[in-house]
Amino acid sequence: MEAYRAALEGKPTTANRPTGTARSAPGSISGLIALYYTTPAFRTLAASTQNTYRGILERFREAHGDKSAATLKREHVRHIVRSMQETPSAANNLLDRIRALMQLAMEEGLRQDDPTQGVKKIPVKTDGFYTWSETDIARFEMHFRIGTRARLAFALLLYTAQRRSDVVRMGPQHISDGVLTLRQQKTGVEVGIPIHPELQRVLDATPTQHLAFLVTAQGKPFTAPGFTNWFHECVREVGLPAGCSPHGLRKAAATRLADAGCSPHEIMAVTGHQTLKEVERYTRAAGRRGLAKRAMGRLGTKA
């Protein structure tokens, strides 16, 4: 249970890392990252999103933290992004974070331009469903505050990693001793998912008098297609890409678990997938990043 909670929070990749200015030279990328952690744009994010962003930024800090924020050029950013083309989603998430840093640098008078402008994201090949990026997730959380029906739907999708057909059936009766247990409608597989602290916060702030957590505005149970239509309206209200679907949040949850170091079998225990092939693509991308980091670490440094 604790491993699952830590995984979705990103703790395996971010634990015990200092984030203060004590290790950051003024005007450096490292110093800019430390400053970003103090901004409302970061501090108002959900804790799990903060941890995910922190993991991305701390890896960037390790590689480039000693460089000047003022001298970062477009060709540098383009090279960084292209060097990660084997893991396009990770590359695009990093580009979004660098862009946020450069916007902050301009606000602070450290530079007058944004070197991420004109740097294109890497196309992501999908199996038909777009995987929500961390930026998409943060934008939805910023728009729909805790206590709204939209935020409840979003949290149930992201923090249980279940299909829409199961999310619309979830209710208080499925939770016991901090674990949500249900039999998946599509596969018949029974899953027992520890309640993530962020999901618990949302549930506590959104009480229900129904057997299902999610009901229509008229208090009726959602059908799976009806839920998708309503959720797409929420997506449009935020201004997110049209491809941001409920199933895309299930894929985002699996991606987070893989990035946190979970094995295919651990991910399957949460998502209910029945074959390793279905989840290996998530761990394969995360594994490449870890292997590359260890490989470069073995090169050492020249005297």
C-alpha atoms as a PDB file:
ATOM      1  CA  MET A   1       0.000   0.000   0.000  1.00  0.00           C
ATOM      2  CA  GLU A   2       2.686   2.454   0.949  1.00  0.00           C
ATOM      3  CA  ALA A   3       4.689   1.597  -2.166  1.00  0.00           C
ATOM      4  CA  TYR A   4       1.686   2.366  -4.362  1.00  0.00           C
ATOM      5  CA  ARG A   5       1.007   5.695  -2.653  1.00  0.00           C
ATOM      6  CA  ALA A   6       4.659   6.685  -2.871  1.00  0.00           C
ATOM      7  CA  ALA A   7       4.807   5.678  -6.517  1.00  0.00           C
ATOM      8  CA  LEU A   8       1.938   7.895  -7.648  1.00  0.00           C
ATOM      9  CA  GLU A   9       3.403  10.755  -5.615  1.00  0.00           C
ATOM     10  CA  GLY A  10       6.750  10.312  -7.353  1.00  0.00           C
ATOM     11  CA  LYS A  11       8.648   9.769  -4.127  1.00  0.00           C
ATOM     12  CA  PRO A  12      11.031   7.069  -5.403  1.00  0.00           C
ATOM     13  CA  THR A  13      12.656   9.583  -7.744  1.00  0.00           C
ATOM     14  CA  THR A  14      12.547  12.682  -5.558  1.00  0.00           C
ATOM     15  CA  ALA A  15      13.068  11.614  -1.974  1.00  0.00           C
ATOM     16  CA  ASN A  16      15.509  13.538   0.162  1.00  0.00           C
ATOM     17  CA  ARG A  17      16.552  15.936  -2.577  1.00  0.00           C
ATOM     18  CA  PRO A  18      17.301  19.481  -1.382  1.00  0.00           C
ATOM     19  CA  THR A  19      15.380  22.206  -3.167  1.00  0.00           C
ATOM     20  CA  GLY A  20      16.536  25.357  -1.411  1.00  0.00           C
ATOM     21  CA  THR A  21      18.845  28.032  -2.679  1.00  0.00           C
ATOM     22  CA  ALA A  22      21.719  26.846  -0.487  1.00  0.00           C
ATOM     23  CA  ARG A  23      23.075  24.758  -3.362  1.00  0.00           C
ATOM     24  CA  SER A  24      22.106  27.186  -6.134  1.00  0.00           C
ATOM     25  CA  ALA A  25      24.337  29.906  -7.593  1.00  0.00           C
ATOM     26  CA  PRO A  26      22.507  33.187  -8.345  1.00  0.00           C
ATOM     27  CA  GLY A  27      21.332  33.303 -11.952  1.00  0.00           C
ATOM     28  CA  SER A  28      21.910  29.602 -12.532  1.00  0.00           C
ATOM     29  CA  ILE A  29      19.402  27.052 -13.784  1.00  0.00           C
ATOM     30  CA  SER A  30      19.569  25.520 -10.325  1.00  0.00           C
ATOM     31  CA  GLY A  31      18.721  28.821  -8.677  1.00  0.00           C
ATOM     32  CA  LEU A  32      15.833  29.350 -11.082  1.00  0.00           C
ATOM     33  CA  ILE A  33      14.412  25.933 -10.244  1.00  0.00           C
ATOM     34  CA  ALA A  34      14.640  26.702  -6.525  1.00  0.00           C
ATOM     35  CA  LEU A  35      12.803  29.977  -7.137  1.00  0.00           C
ATOM     36  CA  TYR A  36      10.128  28.234  -9.208  1.00  0.00           C
ATOM     37  CA  TYR A  37       9.337  25.957  -6.247  1.00  0.00           C
ATOM     38  CA  THR A  38       8.329  29.066  -4.242  1.00  0.00           C
ATOM     39  CA  THR A  39       5.938  30.496  -6.837  1.00  0.00           C
ATOM     40  CA  PRO A  40       2.132  30.285  -6.620  1.00  0.00           C
ATOM     41  CA  ALA A  41       2.131  28.535  -9.997  1.00  0.00           C
ATOM     42  CA  PHE A  42       3.922  25.604  -8.337  1.00  0.00           C
ATOM     43  CA  ARG A  43       2.670  25.777  -4.764  1.00  0.00           C
ATOM     44  CA  THR A  44      -1.015  25.738  -5.733  1.00  0.00           C
ATOM     45  CA  LEU A  45      -0.638  22.439  -7.627  1.00  0.00           C
ATOM     46  CA  ALA A  46      -1.820  19.180  -6.119  1.00  0.00           C
ATOM     47  CA  ALA A  47       0.875  17.469  -4.045  1.00  0.00           C
ATOM     48  CA  SER A  48       1.186  14.574  -6.485  1.00  0.00           C
ATOM     49  CA  THR A  49       1.629  16.960  -9.429  1.00  0.00           C
ATOM     50  CA  GLN A  50       4.235  18.923  -7.468  1.00  0.00           C
ATOM     51  CA  ASN A  51       6.177  15.724  -6.887  1.00  0.00           C
ATOM     52  CA  THR A  52       5.983  14.766 -10.550  1.00  0.00           C
ATOM     53  CA  TYR A  53       7.168  18.220 -11.641  1.00  0.00           C
ATOM     54  CA  ARG A  54       9.910  18.098  -9.028  1.00  0.00           C
ATOM     55  CA  GLY A  55      11.156  14.785 -10.404  1.00  0.00           C
ATOM     56  CA  ILE A  56      11.365  16.227 -13.928  1.00  0.00           C
ATOM     57  CA  LEU A  57      13.096  19.401 -12.764  1.00  0.00           C
ATOM     58  CA  GLU A  58      15.538  17.685 -10.432  1.00  0.00           C
ATOM     59  CA  ARG A  59      16.760  15.463 -13.274  1.00  0.00           C
ATOM     60  CA  PHE A  60      17.177  18.605 -15.381  1.00  0.00           C
ATOM     61  CA  ARG A  61      19.016  20.288 -12.481  1.00  0.00           C
ATOM     62  CA  GLU A  62      21.442  17.375 -12.175  1.00  0.00           C
ATOM     63  CA  ALA A  63      22.389  17.678 -15.845  1.00  0.00           C
ATOM     64  CA  HIS A  64      22.313  21.470 -16.318  1.00  0.00           C
ATOM     65  CA  GLY A  65      21.870  23.147 -12.943  1.00  0.00           C
ATOM     66  CA  ASP A  66      25.287  24.856 -12.950  1.00  0.00           C
ATOM     67  CA  LYS A  67      24.639  26.623 -16.265  1.00  0.00           C
ATOM     68  CA  SER A  68      23.443  30.225 -16.551  1.00  0.00           C
ATOM     69  CA  ALA A  69      19.723  30.755 -17.097  1.00  0.00           C
ATOM     70  CA  ALA A  70      20.554  33.817 -19.195  1.00  0.00           C
ATOM     71  CA  THR A  71      22.706  31.981 -21.751  1.00  0.00           C
ATOM     72  CA  LEU A  72      20.382  29.075 -22.538  1.00  0.00           C
ATOM     73  CA  LYS A  73      19.716  29.177 -26.287  1.00  0.00           C
ATOM     74  CA  ARG A  74      17.052  27.706 -28.539  1.00  0.00           C
ATOM     75  CA  GLU A  75      19.533  25.280 -30.060  1.00  0.00           C
ATOM     76  CA  HIS A  76      20.407  24.051 -26.564  1.00  0.00           C
ATOM     77  CA  VAL A  77      16.756  23.374 -25.756  1.00  0.00           C
ATOM     78  CA  ARG A  78      16.213  21.712 -29.132  1.00  0.00           C
ATOM     79  CA  HIS A  79      19.227  19.440 -28.554  1.00  0.00           C
ATOM     80  CA  ILE A  80      17.999  18.476 -25.076  1.00  0.00           C
ATOM     81  CA  VAL A  81      14.552  17.597 -26.401  1.00  0.00           C
ATOM     82  CA  ARG A  82      15.835  15.679 -29.424  1.00  0.00           C
ATOM     83  CA  SER A  83      18.241  13.680 -27.272  1.00  0.00           C
ATOM     84  CA  MET A  84      15.155  12.233 -25.545  1.00  0.00           C
ATOM     85  CA  GLN A  85      13.288  11.266 -28.731  1.00  0.00           C
ATOM     86  CA  GLU A  86      13.255   7.620 -27.630  1.00  0.00           C
ATOM     87  CA  THR A  87      10.881   8.707 -24.846  1.00  0.00           C
ATOM     88  CA  PRO A  88       8.775  11.420 -26.502  1.00  0.00           C
ATOM     89  CA  SER A  89       6.288  11.925 -23.674  1.00  0.00           C
ATOM     90  CA  ALA A  90       9.120  12.519 -21.201  1.00  0.00           C
ATOM     91  CA  ALA A  91      10.828  14.868 -23.666  1.00  0.00           C
ATOM     92  CA  ASN A  92       7.655  16.895 -24.136  1.00  0.00           C
ATOM     93  CA  ASN A  93       7.010  17.076 -20.385  1.00  0.00           C
ATOM     94  CA  LEU A  94      10.557  18.381 -19.871  1.00  0.00           C
ATOM     95  CA  LEU A  95      10.069  20.981 -22.618  1.00  0.00           C
ATOM     96  CA  ASP A  96       6.951  22.226 -20.824  1.00  0.00           C
ATOM     97  CA  ARG A  97       8.886  22.553 -17.552  1.00  0.00           C
ATOM     98  CA  ILE A  98      11.804  24.375 -19.208  1.00  0.00           C
ATOM     99  CA  ARG A  99       9.279  26.734 -20.788  1.00  0.00           C
ATOM    100  CA  ALA A 100       7.818  27.496 -17.353  1.00  0.00           C
ATOM    101  CA  LEU A 101      11.312  28.201 -16.031  1.00  0.00           C
ATOM    102  CA  MET A 102      12.096  30.561 -18.906  1.00  0.00           C
ATOM    103  CA  GLN A 103       8.843  32.459 -18.373  1.00  0.00           C
ATOM    104  CA  LEU A 104       9.883  32.914 -14.758  1.00  0.00           C
ATOM    105  CA  ALA A 105      13.359  34.047 -15.842  1.00  0.00           C
ATOM    106  CA  MET A 106      11.772  36.742 -17.996  1.00  0.00           C
ATOM    107  CA  GLU A 107       9.553  37.877 -15.138  1.00  0.00           C
ATOM    108  CA  GLU A 108      12.595  38.122 -12.890  1.00  0.00           C
ATOM    109  CA  GLY A 109      14.586  40.121 -15.451  1.00  0.00           C
ATOM    110  CA  LEU A 110      17.159  37.366 -15.958  1.00  0.00           C
ATOM    111  CA  ARG A 111      16.552  37.364 -19.700  1.00  0.00           C
ATOM    112  CA  GLN A 112      14.371  39.087 -22.292  1.00  0.00           C
ATOM    113  CA  ASP A 113      13.375  36.159 -24.483  1.00  0.00           C
ATOM    114  CA  ASP A 114      12.072  32.611 -24.195  1.00  0.00           C
ATOM    115  CA  PRO A 115      14.463  30.122 -25.875  1.00  0.00           C
ATOM    116  CA  THR A 116      11.792  27.416 -25.889  1.00  0.00           C
ATOM    117  CA  GLN A 117       9.749  29.345 -28.463  1.00  0.00           C
ATOM    118  CA  GLY A 118       9.909  27.567 -31.797  1.00  0.00           C
ATOM    119  CA  VAL A 119      11.080  24.272 -30.282  1.00  0.00           C
ATOM    120  CA  LYS A 120       8.629  21.645 -31.453  1.00  0.00           C
ATOM    121  CA  LYS A 121       7.409  18.772 -29.355  1.00  0.00           C
ATOM    122  CA  ILE A 122       8.208  15.243 -30.467  1.00  0.00           C
ATOM    123  CA  PRO A 123       5.222  13.442 -32.014  1.00  0.00           C
ATOM    124  CA  VAL A 124       3.961  10.674 -29.765  1.00  0.00           C
ATOM    125  CA  LYS A 125       2.792   7.432 -31.328  1.00  0.00           C
ATOM    126  CA  THR A 126      -0.232   6.120 -29.470  1.00  0.00           C
ATOM    127  CA  ASP A 127      -2.499   3.099 -29.610  1.00  0.00           C
ATOM    128  CA  GLY A 128      -5.508   5.299 -30.233  1.00  0.00           C
ATOM    129  CA  PHE A 129      -5.782   7.140 -26.901  1.00  0.00           C
ATOM    130  CA  TYR A 130      -3.814  10.268 -26.085  1.00  0.00           C
ATOM    131  CA  THR A 131      -1.923  10.058 -22.791  1.00  0.00           C
ATOM    132  CA  TRP A 132      -2.469  13.169 -20.676  1.00  0.00           C
ATOM    133  CA  SER A 133       0.751  15.108 -20.148  1.00  0.00           C
ATOM    134  CA  GLU A 134       1.709  16.480 -16.756  1.00  0.00           C
ATOM    135  CA  THR A 135       0.885  19.950 -18.071  1.00  0.00           C
ATOM    136  CA  ASP A 136      -2.609  18.783 -19.063  1.00  0.00           C
ATOM    137  CA  ILE A 137      -3.086  17.341 -15.571  1.00  0.00           C
ATOM    138  CA  ALA A 138      -1.940  20.539 -13.869  1.00  0.00           C
ATOM    139  CA  ARG A 139      -4.198  22.720 -16.026  1.00  0.00           C
ATOM    140  CA  PHE A 140      -7.247  20.627 -15.191  1.00  0.00           C
ATOM    141  CA  GLU A 141      -6.429  20.774 -11.472  1.00  0.00           C
ATOM    142  CA  MET A 142      -5.976  24.535 -11.612  1.00  0.00           C
ATOM    143  CA  HIS A 143      -9.296  25.049 -13.405  1.00  0.00           C
ATOM    144  CA  PHE A 144     -11.485  22.678 -11.390  1.00  0.00           C
ATOM    145  CA  ARG A 145     -10.837  23.063  -7.676  1.00  0.00           C
ATOM    146  CA  ILE A 146     -11.341  20.344  -5.094  1.00  0.00           C
ATOM    147  CA  GLY A 147     -15.020  20.080  -4.212  1.00  0.00           C
ATOM    148  CA  THR A 148     -16.291  20.214  -7.801  1.00  0.00           C
ATOM    149  CA  ARG A 149     -17.829  17.230  -9.564  1.00  0.00           C
ATOM    150  CA  ALA A 150     -15.312  17.541 -12.412  1.00  0.00           C
ATOM    151  CA  ARG A 151     -12.340  17.359 -10.030  1.00  0.00           C
ATOM    152  CA  LEU A 152     -13.862  14.302  -8.350  1.00  0.00           C
ATOM    153  CA  ALA A 153     -14.223  12.525 -11.707  1.00  0.00           C
ATOM    154  CA  PHE A 154     -10.673  13.481 -12.640  1.00  0.00           C
ATOM    155  CA  ALA A 155      -9.245  12.216  -9.328  1.00  0.00           C
ATOM    156  CA  LEU A 156     -11.108   8.912  -9.520  1.00  0.00           C
ATOM    157  CA  LEU A 157      -9.737   8.317 -13.025  1.00  0.00           C
ATOM    158  CA  LEU A 158      -6.140   9.343 -12.287  1.00  0.00           C
ATOM    159  CA  TYR A 159      -5.711   7.835  -8.822  1.00  0.00           C
ATOM    160  CA  THR A 160      -7.407   4.500  -9.445  1.00  0.00           C
ATOM    161  CA  ALA A 161      -6.233   3.953 -13.055  1.00  0.00           C
ATOM    162  CA  GLN A 162      -9.566   2.331 -13.917  1.00  0.00           C
ATOM    163  CA  ARG A 163     -11.767   2.473 -17.001  1.00  0.00           C
ATOM    164  CA  ARG A 164     -14.741   4.831 -17.245  1.00  0.00           C
ATOM    165  CA  SER A 165     -17.152   1.880 -17.000  1.00  0.00           C
ATOM    166  CA  ASP A 166     -15.777   1.096 -13.536  1.00  0.00           C
ATOM    167  CA  VAL A 167     -15.306   4.679 -12.335  1.00  0.00           C
ATOM    168  CA  VAL A 168     -18.998   5.493 -12.821  1.00  0.00           C
ATOM    169  CA  ARG A 169     -19.905   2.513 -10.576  1.00  0.00           C
ATOM    170  CA  MET A 170     -17.540   3.413  -7.730  1.00  0.00           C
ATOM    171  CA  GLY A 171     -19.125   4.423  -4.437  1.00  0.00           C
ATOM    172  CA  PRO A 172     -18.504   4.479  -0.676  1.00  0.00           C
ATOM    173  CA  GLN A 173     -19.501   0.814  -0.452  1.00  0.00           C
ATOM    174  CA  HIS A 174     -16.396  -0.121  -2.450  1.00  0.00           C
ATOM    175  CA  ILE A 175     -13.993   1.320   0.161  1.00  0.00           C
ATOM    176  CA  SER A 176     -12.948  -0.503   3.307  1.00  0.00           C
ATOM    177  CA  ASP A 177      -9.860   0.048   5.481  1.00  0.00           C
ATOM    178  CA  GLY A 178      -8.417   2.520   2.993  1.00  0.00           C
ATOM    179  CA  VAL A 179      -8.682   0.176  -0.005  1.00  0.00           C
ATOM    180  CA  LEU A 180     -11.063   0.483  -2.941  1.00  0.00           C
ATOM    181  CA  THR A 181     -12.084  -2.979  -4.153  1.00  0.00           C
ATOM    182  CA  LEU A 182     -14.184  -3.747  -7.209  1.00  0.00           C
ATOM    183  CA  ARG A 183     -14.539  -6.279  -9.996  1.00  0.00           C
ATOM    184  CA  GLN A 184     -13.819  -4.743 -13.380  1.00  0.00           C
ATOM    185  CA  GLN A 185     -16.833  -4.791 -15.674  1.00  0.00           C
ATOM    186  CA  LYS A 186     -14.838  -5.479 -18.857  1.00  0.00           C
ATOM    187  CA  THR A 187     -12.505  -8.227 -17.648  1.00  0.00           C
ATOM    188  CA  GLY A 188     -14.040  -9.585 -14.451  1.00  0.00           C
ATOM    189  CA  VAL A 189     -10.697  -9.013 -12.697  1.00  0.00           C
ATOM    190  CA  GLU A 190     -10.953  -7.934  -9.054  1.00  0.00           C
ATOM    191  CA  VAL A 191      -8.616  -5.125  -8.053  1.00  0.00           C
ATOM    192  CA  GLY A 192      -7.871  -3.707  -4.617  1.00  0.00           C
ATOM    193  CA  ILE A 193      -6.415  -0.207  -4.849  1.00  0.00           C
ATOM    194  CA  PRO A 194      -5.130   1.700  -1.798  1.00  0.00           C
ATOM    195  CA  ILE A 195      -6.728   5.133  -1.637  1.00  0.00           C
ATOM    196  CA  HIS A 196      -4.155   7.739  -2.618  1.00  0.00           C
ATOM    197  CA  PRO A 197      -3.977  10.707  -0.179  1.00  0.00           C
ATOM    198  CA  GLU A 198      -4.875  13.146  -2.964  1.00  0.00           C
ATOM    199  CA  LEU A 199      -7.953  11.101  -3.865  1.00  0.00           C
ATOM    200  CA  GLN A 200      -8.920  10.972  -0.189  1.00  0.00           C
ATOM    201  CA  ARG A 201      -8.711  14.772   0.002  1.00  0.00           C
ATOM    202  CA  VAL A 202     -11.055  15.055  -2.967  1.00  0.00           C
ATOM    203  CA  LEU A 203     -13.498  12.474  -1.590  1.00  0.00           C
ATOM    204  CA  ASP A 204     -13.598  14.206   1.796  1.00  0.00           C
ATOM    205  CA  ALA A 205     -14.424  17.523   0.127  1.00  0.00           C
ATOM    206  CA  THR A 206     -17.111  16.049  -2.143  1.00  0.00           C
ATOM    207  CA  PRO A 207     -19.631  14.122  -0.010  1.00  0.00           C
ATOM    208  CA  THR A 208     -22.301  12.054  -1.732  1.00  0.00           C
ATOM    209  CA  GLN A 209     -25.732  10.779  -0.778  1.00  0.00           C
ATOM    210  CA  HIS A 210     -25.761   8.216  -3.576  1.00  0.00           C
ATOM    211  CA  LEU A 211     -24.399   4.717  -4.127  1.00  0.00           C
ATOM    212  CA  ALA A 212     -22.076   6.149  -6.769  1.00  0.00           C
ATOM    213  CA  PHE A 213     -19.592   8.966  -6.177  1.00  0.00           C
ATOM    214  CA  LEU A 214     -20.422  10.382  -9.605  1.00  0.00           C
ATOM    215  CA  VAL A 215     -23.979  11.171 -10.712  1.00  0.00           C
ATOM    216  CA  THR A 216     -25.492  13.482 -13.298  1.00  0.00           C
ATOM    217  CA  ALA A 217     -26.735  16.979 -12.501  1.00  0.00           C
ATOM    218  CA  GLN A 218     -30.148  15.380 -12.025  1.00  0.00           C
ATOM    219  CA  GLY A 219     -28.772  12.912  -9.465  1.00  0.00           C
ATOM    220  CA  LYS A 220     -29.028   9.932 -11.822  1.00  0.00           C
ATOM    221  CA  PRO A 221     -26.326   7.289 -12.421  1.00  0.00           C
ATOM    222  CA  PHE A 222     -23.996   7.981 -15.349  1.00  0.00           C
ATOM    223  CA  THR A 223     -23.847   5.640 -18.301  1.00  0.00           C
ATOM    224  CA  ALA A 224     -20.296   5.160 -19.613  1.00  0.00           C
ATOM    225  CA  PRO A 225     -20.979   7.071 -22.886  1.00  0.00           C
ATOM    226  CA  GLY A 226     -22.878   9.787 -21.024  1.00  0.00           C
ATOM    227  CA  PHE A 227     -19.990  10.207 -18.603  1.00  0.00           C
ATOM    228  CA  THR A 228     -17.523  10.535 -21.481  1.00  0.00           C
ATOM    229  CA  ASN A 229     -19.644  13.196 -23.175  1.00  0.00           C
ATOM    230  CA  TRP A 230     -19.888  15.193 -19.934  1.00  0.00           C
ATOM    231  CA  PHE A 231     -16.160  14.807 -19.214  1.00  0.00           C
ATOM    232  CA  HIS A 232     -15.282  16.032 -22.712  1.00  0.00           C
ATOM    233  CA  GLU A 233     -17.310  19.165 -21.961  1.00  0.00           C
ATOM    234  CA  CYS A 234     -15.103  19.701 -18.885  1.00  0.00           C
ATOM    235  CA  VAL A 235     -11.996  19.237 -21.038  1.00  0.00           C
ATOM    236  CA  ARG A 236     -13.246  21.825 -23.524  1.00  0.00           C
ATOM    237  CA  GLU A 237     -13.953  24.261 -20.696  1.00  0.00           C
ATOM    238  CA  VAL A 238     -10.315  24.024 -19.594  1.00  0.00           C
ATOM    239  CA  GLY A 239      -9.113  24.429 -23.186  1.00  0.00           C
ATOM    240  CA  LEU A 240      -7.214  21.137 -23.258  1.00  0.00           C
ATOM    241  CA  PRO A 241      -6.585  19.105 -26.433  1.00  0.00           C
ATOM    242  CA  ALA A 242      -9.713  17.353 -27.681  1.00  0.00           C
ATOM    243  CA  GLY A 243      -7.949  14.005 -27.282  1.00  0.00           C
ATOM    244  CA  CYS A 244      -7.858  14.303 -23.479  1.00  0.00           C
ATOM    245  CA  SER A 245     -10.212  11.450 -22.649  1.00  0.00           C
ATOM    246  CA  PRO A 246     -11.043   9.478 -19.509  1.00  0.00           C
ATOM    247  CA  HIS A 247      -9.002   6.542 -20.842  1.00  0.00           C
ATOM    248  CA  GLY A 248      -6.048   8.880 -21.375  1.00  0.00           C
ATOM    249  CA  LEU A 249      -5.952   9.479 -17.615  1.00  0.00           C
ATOM    250  CA  ARG A 250      -5.761   5.719 -17.048  1.00  0.00           C
ATOM    251  CA  LYS A 251      -2.707   5.703 -19.319  1.00  0.00           C
ATOM    252  CA  ALA A 252      -1.244   8.721 -17.489  1.00  0.00           C
ATOM    253  CA  ALA A 253      -1.596   6.860 -14.190  1.00  0.00           C
ATOM    254  CA  ALA A 254       0.231   3.837 -15.628  1.00  0.00           C
ATOM    255  CA  THR A 255       2.956   6.143 -16.970  1.00  0.00           C
ATOM    256  CA  ARG A 256       3.421   7.725 -13.532  1.00  0.00           C
ATOM    257  CA  LEU A 257       3.733   4.302 -11.931  1.00  0.00           C
ATOM    258  CA  ALA A 258       6.324   3.245 -14.511  1.00  0.00           C
ATOM    259  CA  ASP A 259       8.315   6.463 -14.096  1.00  0.00           C
ATOM    260  CA  ALA A 260       8.330   5.854 -10.336  1.00  0.00           C
ATOM    261  CA  GLY A 261      10.054   2.507 -10.887  1.00  0.00           C
ATOM    262  CA  CYS A 262       7.123   0.111 -10.583  1.00  0.00           C
ATOM    263  CA  SER A 263       7.482  -3.242 -12.325  1.00  0.00           C
ATOM    264  CA  PRO A 264       4.991  -4.433 -14.960  1.00  0.00           C
ATOM    265  CA  HIS A 265       3.444  -6.798 -12.415  1.00  0.00           C
ATOM    266  CA  GLU A 266       3.007  -3.970  -9.903  1.00  0.00           C
ATOM    267  CA  ILE A 267       1.316  -1.819 -12.536  1.00  0.00           C
ATOM    268  CA  MET A 268      -0.937  -4.732 -13.520  1.00  0.00           C
ATOM    269  CA  ALA A 269      -2.018  -5.108  -9.894  1.00  0.00           C
ATOM    270  CA  VAL A 270      -3.367  -1.555 -10.019  1.00  0.00           C
ATOM    271  CA  THR A 271      -4.727  -1.313 -13.557  1.00  0.00           C
ATOM    272  CA  GLY A 272      -6.066  -4.847 -13.817  1.00  0.00           C
ATOM    273  CA  HIS A 273      -4.362  -5.499 -17.163  1.00  0.00           C
ATOM    274  CA  GLN A 274      -4.232  -9.214 -17.862  1.00  0.00           C
ATOM    275  CA  THR A 275      -1.047  -9.472 -19.940  1.00  0.00           C
ATOM    276  CA  LEU A 276       2.447  -8.071 -19.510  1.00  0.00           C
ATOM    277  CA  LYS A 277       2.494  -6.872 -23.114  1.00  0.00           C
ATOM    278  CA  GLU A 278      -0.159  -4.271 -22.343  1.00  0.00           C
ATOM    279  CA  VAL A 279       1.922  -2.559 -19.645  1.00  0.00           C
ATOM    280  CA  GLU A 280       5.490  -3.164 -20.831  1.00  0.00           C
ATOM    281  CA  ARG A 281       5.470  -0.081 -23.061  1.00  0.00           C
ATOM    282  CA  TYR A 282       5.148   2.112 -19.966  1.00  0.00           C
ATOM    283  CA  THR A 283       8.035   0.468 -18.093  1.00  0.00           C
ATOM    284  CA  ARG A 284      10.184   0.232 -21.231  1.00  0.00           C
ATOM    285  CA  ALA A 285      10.300   4.011 -21.662  1.00  0.00           C
ATOM    286  CA  ALA A 286      10.923   4.618 -17.963  1.00  0.00           C
ATOM    287  CA  GLY A 287      13.583   1.897 -17.898  1.00  0.00           C
ATOM    288  CA  ARG A 288      15.528   3.468 -20.755  1.00  0.00           C
ATOM    289  CA  ARG A 289      15.795   6.742 -18.849  1.00  0.00           C
ATOM    290  CA  GLY A 290      17.120   4.988 -15.758  1.00  0.00           C
ATOM    291  CA  LEU A 291      19.596   2.871 -17.725  1.00  0.00           C
ATOM    292  CA  ALA A 292      20.894   5.899 -19.630  1.00  0.00           C
ATOM    293  CA  LYS A 293      21.435   7.806 -16.393  1.00  0.00           C
ATOM    294  CA  ARG A 294      23.397   4.915 -14.837  1.00  0.00           C
ATOM    295  CA  ALA A 295      25.395   4.436 -18.037  1.00  0.00           C
ATOM    296  CA  MET A 296      26.495   8.063 -18.192  1.00  0.00           C
ATOM    297  CA  GLY A 297      27.312   7.969 -14.472  1.00  0.00           C
ATOM    298  CA  ARG A 298      29.827   5.195 -15.095  1.00  0.00           C
ATOM    299  CA  LEU A 299      31.838   7.395 -17.438  1.00  0.00           C
ATOM    300  CA  GLY A 300      33.065   9.423 -14.504  1.00  0.00           C
ATOM    301  CA  THR A 301      34.764  12.789 -14.969  1.00  0.00           C
ATOM    302  CA  LYS A 302      38.137  13.769 -16.400  1.00  0.00           C
ATOM    303  CA  ALA A 303      40.810  14.930 -14.018  1.00  0.00           C
END
